[in-house]
Amino acid sequence: MSTIVKDNNKNYLAIAFKHLLTALLIAMIGSWCFQLLYPAIAGIFTNTAKNEINIIYSHLVFVVSIILWCCYKFPIVRQFKKQPLSTLTYYPIIAVLALICFIILDSVIDIPNYYQHVLESVMQENFLSILTIGVVQPIAEEFLFRGVFLKELLKWKSNPWWAIGVSAITFSIIHLNFTQMISALPLGIIMGWLYFKTQSLWPSIIIHITNNSICCIPSSIGSLSFLDIICNHPLIGILIIVPLNSILIFLIIRKINYKTERLCTNLQI
């Protein structure tokens, strides 16, 4: 009997990675098809804009392919469970608090960014880039990593932290960029835990969209002048701001857990 249970557990792990790799492969094929068709439509763009448009549209095709595949293969819509309005307001706050921590740590630790030139070419302050990186990409990643990958992994072990940990590490590695990997790991853990507790994609999507939207508008970060002061005095950031923000995030998540459990209890009554 125990052997059968272990085999089933292994199957859930294998199935989760199968879904993940299938989605990424389909998205790559869609992006490659666009690359083949691009020379035929490139004439509508100016020469200076061709390369940037090519990268942005290729990425848009990639993430839209993931969304379409997830919606076609899985009941993603059912995972948008209703959340109290008071709870929804916590998620952007979590994203901003976490982002401030990452900015401070990035200013202190010299983290290599091997894809800086690619990111700069995609993350332009125009509507298409903001829509793609700030909105569509977070939705695609949450559909895949929380709505499909983590959902399957939660069947793998009785302890949800195994599933949350594996999904967060995979989510981090898939970014292929040290700068993003370091921030993606704790965010992946936070978003995974909130998905597990709420059984809804709303928390992770709101956090992810908030984070990406701010990051793809450099002027919005630049307007946070207090960050310049903190980054120029790293001890203040490391010893005060980062621990304080971490405590606030913990307390907010604890509050969300309490409200979620209370809501479930009321529904059962």
C-alpha atoms as a PDB file:
ATOM      1  CA  MET A   1       0.000   0.000   0.000  1.00  0.00           C
ATOM      2  CA  SER A   2       2.786   2.442   0.917  1.00  0.00           C
ATOM      3  CA  THR A   3       4.542   1.661  -2.389  1.00  0.00           C
ATOM      4  CA  ILE A   4       1.398   2.633  -4.321  1.00  0.00           C
ATOM      5  CA  VAL A   5       1.144   5.921  -2.405  1.00  0.00           C
ATOM      6  CA  LYS A   6       4.803   6.727  -3.137  1.00  0.00           C
ATOM      7  CA  ASP A   7       4.312   5.956  -6.843  1.00  0.00           C
ATOM      8  CA  ASN A   8       1.251   8.217  -6.948  1.00  0.00           C
ATOM      9  CA  ASN A   9       3.230  10.990  -5.277  1.00  0.00           C
ATOM     10  CA  LYS A  10       5.969  10.648  -7.898  1.00  0.00           C
ATOM     11  CA  ASN A  11       3.328  10.747 -10.618  1.00  0.00           C
ATOM     12  CA  TYR A  12       1.961  14.064  -9.330  1.00  0.00           C
ATOM     13  CA  LEU A  13       5.471  15.541  -9.379  1.00  0.00           C
ATOM     14  CA  ALA A  14       6.108  14.244 -12.901  1.00  0.00           C
ATOM     15  CA  ILE A  15       2.714  15.455 -14.130  1.00  0.00           C
ATOM     16  CA  ALA A  16       3.329  18.939 -12.705  1.00  0.00           C
ATOM     17  CA  PHE A  17       6.641  19.272 -14.545  1.00  0.00           C
ATOM     18  CA  LYS A  18       5.108  17.779 -17.679  1.00  0.00           C
ATOM     19  CA  HIS A  19       2.426  20.490 -17.698  1.00  0.00           C
ATOM     20  CA  LEU A  20       5.059  23.175 -17.088  1.00  0.00           C
ATOM     21  CA  LEU A  21       7.400  22.031 -19.854  1.00  0.00           C
ATOM     22  CA  THR A  22       4.519  21.508 -22.294  1.00  0.00           C
ATOM     23  CA  ALA A  23       3.292  25.062 -21.766  1.00  0.00           C
ATOM     24  CA  LEU A  24       6.789  26.517 -22.209  1.00  0.00           C
ATOM     25  CA  LEU A  25       7.364  24.440 -25.360  1.00  0.00           C
ATOM     26  CA  ILE A  26       4.055  25.575 -26.887  1.00  0.00           C
ATOM     27  CA  ALA A  27       4.897  29.193 -26.034  1.00  0.00           C
ATOM     28  CA  MET A  28       8.346  28.862 -27.647  1.00  0.00           C
ATOM     29  CA  ILE A  29       6.821  27.377 -30.799  1.00  0.00           C
ATOM     30  CA  GLY A  30       4.348  30.258 -30.959  1.00  0.00           C
ATOM     31  CA  SER A  31       7.165  32.775 -30.535  1.00  0.00           C
ATOM     32  CA  TRP A  32       9.289  31.047 -33.194  1.00  0.00           C
ATOM     33  CA  CYS A  33       6.357  31.084 -35.634  1.00  0.00           C
ATOM     34  CA  PHE A  34       6.053  34.817 -35.100  1.00  0.00           C
ATOM     35  CA  GLN A  35       9.801  35.190 -35.756  1.00  0.00           C
ATOM     36  CA  LEU A  36       9.338  33.413 -39.092  1.00  0.00           C
ATOM     37  CA  LEU A  37       6.421  35.665 -40.055  1.00  0.00           C
ATOM     38  CA  TYR A  38       8.010  38.860 -38.755  1.00  0.00           C
ATOM     39  CA  PRO A  39      10.094  39.668 -41.882  1.00  0.00           C
ATOM     40  CA  ALA A  40       6.861  39.755 -43.916  1.00  0.00           C
ATOM     41  CA  ILE A  41       5.226  42.321 -41.618  1.00  0.00           C
ATOM     42  CA  ALA A  42       8.346  44.241 -40.549  1.00  0.00           C
ATOM     43  CA  GLY A  43       7.882  46.741 -43.365  1.00  0.00           C
ATOM     44  CA  ILE A  44       5.128  48.524 -41.438  1.00  0.00           C
ATOM     45  CA  PHE A  45       7.659  49.629 -38.804  1.00  0.00           C
ATOM     46  CA  THR A  46      10.507  52.103 -39.056  1.00  0.00           C
ATOM     47  CA  ASN A  47      14.033  50.696 -39.154  1.00  0.00           C
ATOM     48  CA  THR A  48      14.878  52.035 -35.686  1.00  0.00           C
ATOM     49  CA  ALA A  49      11.807  50.461 -34.162  1.00  0.00           C
ATOM     50  CA  LYS A  50      12.008  47.069 -35.872  1.00  0.00           C
ATOM     51  CA  ASN A  51      14.263  45.338 -33.371  1.00  0.00           C
ATOM     52  CA  GLU A  52      12.412  46.588 -30.283  1.00  0.00           C
ATOM     53  CA  ILE A  53       9.024  45.798 -31.819  1.00  0.00           C
ATOM     54  CA  ASN A  54      10.271  42.345 -32.755  1.00  0.00           C
ATOM     55  CA  ILE A  55      11.391  41.566 -29.182  1.00  0.00           C
ATOM     56  CA  ILE A  56       8.250  42.984 -27.557  1.00  0.00           C
ATOM     57  CA  TYR A  57       5.821  41.249 -29.916  1.00  0.00           C
ATOM     58  CA  SER A  58       7.731  37.965 -29.681  1.00  0.00           C
ATOM     59  CA  HIS A  59       7.473  38.117 -25.914  1.00  0.00           C
ATOM     60  CA  LEU A  60       3.784  39.030 -26.115  1.00  0.00           C
ATOM     61  CA  VAL A  61       3.125  36.018 -28.350  1.00  0.00           C
ATOM     62  CA  PHE A  62       5.068  33.840 -25.884  1.00  0.00           C
ATOM     63  CA  VAL A  63       3.037  34.845 -22.810  1.00  0.00           C
ATOM     64  CA  VAL A  64      -0.323  34.901 -24.622  1.00  0.00           C
ATOM     65  CA  SER A  65       0.379  31.338 -25.812  1.00  0.00           C
ATOM     66  CA  ILE A  66       0.800  30.282 -22.181  1.00  0.00           C
ATOM     67  CA  ILE A  67      -2.498  31.928 -21.202  1.00  0.00           C
ATOM     68  CA  LEU A  68      -4.393  30.287 -24.063  1.00  0.00           C
ATOM     69  CA  TRP A  69      -2.923  26.853 -23.354  1.00  0.00           C
ATOM     70  CA  CYS A  70      -3.712  27.078 -19.622  1.00  0.00           C
ATOM     71  CA  CYS A  71      -7.287  28.196 -20.299  1.00  0.00           C
ATOM     72  CA  TYR A  72      -7.775  25.467 -22.927  1.00  0.00           C
ATOM     73  CA  LYS A  73      -6.393  22.577 -20.853  1.00  0.00           C
ATOM     74  CA  PHE A  74      -7.432  23.541 -17.304  1.00  0.00           C
ATOM     75  CA  PRO A  75     -10.425  25.157 -15.526  1.00  0.00           C
ATOM     76  CA  ILE A  76      -8.454  28.299 -14.702  1.00  0.00           C
ATOM     77  CA  VAL A  77     -11.568  30.473 -14.385  1.00  0.00           C
ATOM     78  CA  ARG A  78     -12.720  28.422 -11.380  1.00  0.00           C
ATOM     79  CA  GLN A  79      -9.574  29.469  -9.525  1.00  0.00           C
ATOM     80  CA  PHE A  80     -10.668  33.121  -9.409  1.00  0.00           C
ATOM     81  CA  LYS A  81     -12.520  32.645  -6.162  1.00  0.00           C
ATOM     82  CA  LYS A  82     -14.154  35.701  -4.668  1.00  0.00           C
ATOM     83  CA  GLN A  83     -12.013  37.659  -2.220  1.00  0.00           C
ATOM     84  CA  PRO A  84     -13.210  40.264   0.304  1.00  0.00           C
ATOM     85  CA  LEU A  85     -12.477  43.802  -0.893  1.00  0.00           C
ATOM     86  CA  SER A  86     -10.656  44.570   2.351  1.00  0.00           C
ATOM     87  CA  THR A  87      -8.329  41.621   1.713  1.00  0.00           C
ATOM     88  CA  LEU A  88      -7.647  42.578  -1.928  1.00  0.00           C
ATOM     89  CA  THR A  89      -6.161  45.896  -0.801  1.00  0.00           C
ATOM     90  CA  TYR A  90      -3.407  44.075   1.103  1.00  0.00           C
ATOM     91  CA  TYR A  91      -1.841  42.504  -1.982  1.00  0.00           C
ATOM     92  CA  PRO A  92      -0.466  45.656  -3.681  1.00  0.00           C
ATOM     93  CA  ILE A  93       0.953  46.699  -0.292  1.00  0.00           C
ATOM     94  CA  ILE A  94       2.804  43.375  -0.023  1.00  0.00           C
ATOM     95  CA  ALA A  95       4.212  43.878  -3.528  1.00  0.00           C
ATOM     96  CA  VAL A  96       5.467  47.412  -2.809  1.00  0.00           C
ATOM     97  CA  LEU A  97       7.003  46.466   0.551  1.00  0.00           C
ATOM     98  CA  ALA A  98       8.802  43.503  -1.034  1.00  0.00           C
ATOM     99  CA  LEU A  99       9.974  45.571  -4.008  1.00  0.00           C
ATOM    100  CA  ILE A 100      11.513  48.187  -1.694  1.00  0.00           C
ATOM    101  CA  CYS A 101      13.452  45.391   0.043  1.00  0.00           C
ATOM    102  CA  PHE A 102      14.721  44.064  -3.290  1.00  0.00           C
ATOM    103  CA  ILE A 103      15.819  47.540  -4.442  1.00  0.00           C
ATOM    104  CA  ILE A 104      17.741  48.094  -1.207  1.00  0.00           C
ATOM    105  CA  LEU A 105      19.420  44.682  -1.379  1.00  0.00           C
ATOM    106  CA  ASP A 106      20.287  45.223  -5.046  1.00  0.00           C
ATOM    107  CA  SER A 107      21.980  48.523  -4.141  1.00  0.00           C
ATOM    108  CA  VAL A 108      24.125  46.776  -1.507  1.00  0.00           C
ATOM    109  CA  ILE A 109      24.900  43.481  -3.245  1.00  0.00           C
ATOM    110  CA  ASP A 110      26.530  43.554  -6.674  1.00  0.00           C
ATOM    111  CA  ILE A 111      24.321  41.072  -8.510  1.00  0.00           C
ATOM    112  CA  PRO A 112      25.343  40.303 -12.124  1.00  0.00           C
ATOM    113  CA  ASN A 113      22.633  40.986 -14.705  1.00  0.00           C
ATOM    114  CA  TYR A 114      23.545  39.176 -17.899  1.00  0.00           C
ATOM    115  CA  TYR A 115      20.313  40.095 -19.658  1.00  0.00           C
ATOM    116  CA  GLN A 116      20.342  43.821 -18.889  1.00  0.00           C
ATOM    117  CA  HIS A 117      20.438  44.854 -22.556  1.00  0.00           C
ATOM    118  CA  VAL A 118      17.507  42.553 -23.403  1.00  0.00           C
ATOM    119  CA  LEU A 119      15.457  43.798 -20.446  1.00  0.00           C
ATOM    120  CA  GLU A 120      16.132  47.422 -21.361  1.00  0.00           C
ATOM    121  CA  SER A 121      14.993  46.826 -24.940  1.00  0.00           C
ATOM    122  CA  VAL A 122      11.733  45.261 -23.745  1.00  0.00           C
ATOM    123  CA  MET A 123      10.976  47.400 -20.684  1.00  0.00           C
ATOM    124  CA  GLN A 124      10.373  50.681 -22.464  1.00  0.00           C
ATOM    125  CA  GLU A 125       7.964  53.260 -21.107  1.00  0.00           C
ATOM    126  CA  ASN A 126       5.338  52.733 -23.810  1.00  0.00           C
ATOM    127  CA  PHE A 127       1.897  51.187 -23.755  1.00  0.00           C
ATOM    128  CA  LEU A 128       2.839  47.919 -25.458  1.00  0.00           C
ATOM    129  CA  SER A 129       5.774  47.203 -23.128  1.00  0.00           C
ATOM    130  CA  ILE A 130       3.824  48.090 -19.987  1.00  0.00           C
ATOM    131  CA  LEU A 131       0.878  45.971 -21.151  1.00  0.00           C
ATOM    132  CA  THR A 132       3.111  42.995 -21.986  1.00  0.00           C
ATOM    133  CA  ILE A 133       5.538  43.028 -19.049  1.00  0.00           C
ATOM    134  CA  GLY A 134       3.301  44.709 -16.478  1.00  0.00           C
ATOM    135  CA  VAL A 135      -0.003  42.920 -17.074  1.00  0.00           C
ATOM    136  CA  VAL A 136      -0.029  40.044 -19.575  1.00  0.00           C
ATOM    137  CA  GLN A 137       3.199  38.374 -18.422  1.00  0.00           C
ATOM    138  CA  PRO A 138       2.177  38.273 -14.714  1.00  0.00           C
ATOM    139  CA  ILE A 139      -1.188  36.774 -15.654  1.00  0.00           C
ATOM    140  CA  ALA A 140       0.502  34.137 -17.833  1.00  0.00           C
ATOM    141  CA  GLU A 141       3.046  33.238 -15.152  1.00  0.00           C
ATOM    142  CA  GLU A 142       0.403  32.976 -12.433  1.00  0.00           C
ATOM    143  CA  PHE A 143      -1.870  30.844 -14.597  1.00  0.00           C
ATOM    144  CA  LEU A 144       1.045  28.485 -15.236  1.00  0.00           C
ATOM    145  CA  PHE A 145       3.035  28.474 -11.990  1.00  0.00           C
ATOM    146  CA  ARG A 146       0.236  28.791  -9.446  1.00  0.00           C
ATOM    147  CA  GLY A 147      -2.904  27.773 -11.356  1.00  0.00           C
ATOM    148  CA  VAL A 148      -1.380  24.694 -13.032  1.00  0.00           C
ATOM    149  CA  PHE A 149       2.071  23.813 -11.660  1.00  0.00           C
ATOM    150  CA  LEU A 150       1.514  24.476  -7.943  1.00  0.00           C
ATOM    151  CA  LYS A 151      -2.032  23.134  -8.033  1.00  0.00           C
ATOM    152  CA  GLU A 152      -0.688  19.788  -9.247  1.00  0.00           C
ATOM    153  CA  LEU A 153       2.264  19.844  -6.841  1.00  0.00           C
ATOM    154  CA  LEU A 154      -0.075  20.281  -3.866  1.00  0.00           C
ATOM    155  CA  LYS A 155      -1.263  16.708  -4.528  1.00  0.00           C
ATOM    156  CA  TRP A 156       2.334  15.479  -4.280  1.00  0.00           C
ATOM    157  CA  LYS A 157       2.968  15.810  -0.510  1.00  0.00           C
ATOM    158  CA  SER A 158       0.693  16.236   2.501  1.00  0.00           C
ATOM    159  CA  ASN A 159       2.896  19.115   3.683  1.00  0.00           C
ATOM    160  CA  PRO A 160       2.126  22.068   1.349  1.00  0.00           C
ATOM    161  CA  TRP A 161       5.561  23.630   1.930  1.00  0.00           C
ATOM    162  CA  TRP A 162       7.136  20.984  -0.304  1.00  0.00           C
ATOM    163  CA  ALA A 163       4.927  22.078  -3.213  1.00  0.00           C
ATOM    164  CA  ILE A 164       5.330  25.787  -2.437  1.00  0.00           C
ATOM    165  CA  GLY A 165       9.115  25.427  -2.169  1.00  0.00           C
ATOM    166  CA  VAL A 166       9.518  23.467  -5.417  1.00  0.00           C
ATOM    167  CA  SER A 167       7.224  25.840  -7.322  1.00  0.00           C
ATOM    168  CA  ALA A 168       9.031  28.928  -5.956  1.00  0.00           C
ATOM    169  CA  ILE A 169      12.495  27.549  -6.797  1.00  0.00           C
ATOM    170  CA  THR A 170      11.350  26.569 -10.294  1.00  0.00           C
ATOM    171  CA  PHE A 171       9.690  29.980 -10.734  1.00  0.00           C
ATOM    172  CA  SER A 172      12.967  31.618  -9.716  1.00  0.00           C
ATOM    173  CA  ILE A 173      15.205  29.499 -11.967  1.00  0.00           C
ATOM    174  CA  ILE A 174      12.969  29.973 -15.002  1.00  0.00           C
ATOM    175  CA  HIS A 175      13.802  33.707 -15.041  1.00  0.00           C
ATOM    176  CA  LEU A 176      17.413  32.836 -16.056  1.00  0.00           C
ATOM    177  CA  ASN A 177      18.694  36.083 -14.569  1.00  0.00           C
ATOM    178  CA  PHE A 178      20.382  36.375 -11.151  1.00  0.00           C
ATOM    179  CA  THR A 179      18.809  39.758 -10.406  1.00  0.00           C
ATOM    180  CA  GLN A 180      15.301  38.485 -11.049  1.00  0.00           C
ATOM    181  CA  MET A 181      15.947  35.043  -9.557  1.00  0.00           C
ATOM    182  CA  ILE A 182      16.807  36.507  -6.149  1.00  0.00           C
ATOM    183  CA  SER A 183      13.576  38.509  -5.980  1.00  0.00           C
ATOM    184  CA  ALA A 184      11.439  35.816  -7.649  1.00  0.00           C
ATOM    185  CA  LEU A 185      12.223  33.203  -4.982  1.00  0.00           C
ATOM    186  CA  PRO A 186      10.728  34.992  -1.923  1.00  0.00           C
ATOM    187  CA  LEU A 187       7.893  36.363  -4.052  1.00  0.00           C
ATOM    188  CA  GLY A 188       7.213  32.845  -5.307  1.00  0.00           C
ATOM    189  CA  ILE A 189       7.007  31.582  -1.726  1.00  0.00           C
ATOM    190  CA  ILE A 190       4.662  34.407  -0.688  1.00  0.00           C
ATOM    191  CA  MET A 191       2.402  34.015  -3.733  1.00  0.00           C
ATOM    192  CA  GLY A 192       2.425  30.223  -3.403  1.00  0.00           C
ATOM    193  CA  TRP A 193       1.385  30.362   0.248  1.00  0.00           C
ATOM    194  CA  LEU A 194      -1.395  32.852  -0.484  1.00  0.00           C
ATOM    195  CA  TYR A 195      -2.640  30.660  -3.331  1.00  0.00           C
ATOM    196  CA  PHE A 196      -2.677  27.636  -1.022  1.00  0.00           C
ATOM    197  CA  LYS A 197      -4.532  29.491   1.748  1.00  0.00           C
ATOM    198  CA  THR A 198      -7.072  31.305  -0.428  1.00  0.00           C
ATOM    199  CA  GLN A 199      -7.351  28.735  -3.258  1.00  0.00           C
ATOM    200  CA  SER A 200      -7.569  31.757  -5.538  1.00  0.00           C
ATOM    201  CA  LEU A 201      -5.341  33.286  -8.205  1.00  0.00           C
ATOM    202  CA  TRP A 202      -6.337  36.834  -7.274  1.00  0.00           C
ATOM    203  CA  PRO A 203      -3.631  37.364  -4.592  1.00  0.00           C
ATOM    204  CA  SER A 204      -0.679  36.258  -6.722  1.00  0.00           C
ATOM    205  CA  ILE A 205      -1.904  38.020  -9.868  1.00  0.00           C
ATOM    206  CA  ILE A 206      -2.403  41.342  -8.061  1.00  0.00           C
ATOM    207  CA  ILE A 207       1.012  41.103  -6.353  1.00  0.00           C
ATOM    208  CA  HIS A 208       2.717  40.114  -9.605  1.00  0.00           C
ATOM    209  CA  ILE A 209       1.073  42.834 -11.707  1.00  0.00           C
ATOM    210  CA  THR A 210       1.898  45.483  -9.091  1.00  0.00           C
ATOM    211  CA  ASN A 211       5.548  44.405  -8.961  1.00  0.00           C
ATOM    212  CA  ASN A 212       6.041  44.170 -12.727  1.00  0.00           C
ATOM    213  CA  SER A 213       4.138  47.357 -13.548  1.00  0.00           C
ATOM    214  CA  ILE A 214       6.293  49.419 -11.175  1.00  0.00           C
ATOM    215  CA  CYS A 215       9.489  47.788 -12.476  1.00  0.00           C
ATOM    216  CA  CYS A 216       8.708  48.460 -16.138  1.00  0.00           C
ATOM    217  CA  ILE A 217       8.165  52.160 -15.440  1.00  0.00           C
ATOM    218  CA  PRO A 218      11.608  53.295 -14.210  1.00  0.00           C
ATOM    219  CA  SER A 219      10.361  56.834 -13.632  1.00  0.00           C
ATOM    220  CA  SER A 220       7.898  55.511 -11.029  1.00  0.00           C
ATOM    221  CA  ILE A 221      10.793  54.065  -9.029  1.00  0.00           C
ATOM    222  CA  GLY A 222      12.806  57.204  -9.613  1.00  0.00           C
ATOM    223  CA  SER A 223       9.995  59.253  -8.096  1.00  0.00           C
ATOM    224  CA  LEU A 224      10.525  57.408  -4.809  1.00  0.00           C
ATOM    225  CA  SER A 225      13.215  59.827  -3.698  1.00  0.00           C
ATOM    226  CA  PHE A 226      13.467  58.333  -0.222  1.00  0.00           C
ATOM    227  CA  LEU A 227      14.960  55.206  -1.825  1.00  0.00           C
ATOM    228  CA  ASP A 228      17.926  57.271  -3.036  1.00  0.00           C
ATOM    229  CA  ILE A 229      18.562  58.387   0.527  1.00  0.00           C
ATOM    230  CA  ILE A 230      18.305  54.821   1.818  1.00  0.00           C
ATOM    231  CA  CYS A 231      20.490  53.388  -0.951  1.00  0.00           C
ATOM    232  CA  ASN A 232      23.135  56.016  -0.178  1.00  0.00           C
ATOM    233  CA  HIS A 233      23.051  54.873   3.460  1.00  0.00           C
ATOM    234  CA  PRO A 234      22.871  51.057   3.086  1.00  0.00           C
ATOM    235  CA  LEU A 235      23.051  50.348   6.835  1.00  0.00           C
ATOM    236  CA  ILE A 236      19.729  52.145   7.316  1.00  0.00           C
ATOM    237  CA  GLY A 237      18.159  50.039   4.599  1.00  0.00           C
ATOM    238  CA  ILE A 238      19.626  46.697   5.659  1.00  0.00           C
ATOM    239  CA  LEU A 239      19.262  47.122   9.435  1.00  0.00           C
ATOM    240  CA  ILE A 240      15.959  49.014   9.589  1.00  0.00           C
ATOM    241  CA  ILE A 241      13.893  49.148   6.377  1.00  0.00           C
ATOM    242  CA  VAL A 242      14.338  45.537   5.187  1.00  0.00           C
ATOM    243  CA  PRO A 243      13.568  43.957   8.607  1.00  0.00           C
ATOM    244  CA  LEU A 244      10.665  46.363   9.167  1.00  0.00           C
ATOM    245  CA  ASN A 245       9.160  45.636   5.745  1.00  0.00           C
ATOM    246  CA  SER A 246       9.629  41.902   6.284  1.00  0.00           C
ATOM    247  CA  ILE A 247       7.764  42.094   9.592  1.00  0.00           C
ATOM    248  CA  LEU A 248       4.965  44.111   7.979  1.00  0.00           C
ATOM    249  CA  ILE A 249       4.647  41.547   5.171  1.00  0.00           C
ATOM    250  CA  PHE A 250       4.504  38.740   7.745  1.00  0.00           C
ATOM    251  CA  LEU A 251       1.802  40.532   9.744  1.00  0.00           C
ATOM    252  CA  ILE A 252      -0.247  41.268   6.621  1.00  0.00           C
ATOM    253  CA  ILE A 253      -0.073  37.626   5.496  1.00  0.00           C
ATOM    254  CA  ARG A 254      -1.043  36.547   9.002  1.00  0.00           C
ATOM    255  CA  LYS A 255      -4.027  38.898   8.844  1.00  0.00           C
ATOM    256  CA  ILE A 256      -5.029  37.474   5.442  1.00  0.00           C
ATOM    257  CA  ASN A 257      -4.779  33.923   6.834  1.00  0.00           C
ATOM    258  CA  TYR A 258      -7.025  34.875   9.745  1.00  0.00           C
ATOM    259  CA  LYS A 259      -9.627  36.468   7.457  1.00  0.00           C
ATOM    260  CA  THR A 260      -9.526  33.501   5.066  1.00  0.00           C
ATOM    261  CA  GLU A 261     -10.003  30.952   7.855  1.00  0.00           C
ATOM    262  CA  ARG A 262     -12.791  33.050   9.365  1.00  0.00           C
ATOM    263  CA  LEU A 263     -14.516  33.268   5.962  1.00  0.00           C
ATOM    264  CA  CYS A 264     -14.259  29.486   5.498  1.00  0.00           C
ATOM    265  CA  THR A 265     -15.709  28.923   8.976  1.00  0.00           C
ATOM    266  CA  ASN A 266     -18.644  31.247   8.232  1.00  0.00           C
ATOM    267  CA  LEU A 267     -19.352  29.453   4.939  1.00  0.00           C
ATOM    268  CA  GLN A 268     -19.392  26.091   6.717  1.00  0.00           C
ATOM    269  CA  ILE A 269     -21.847  27.412   9.305  1.00  0.00           C
END
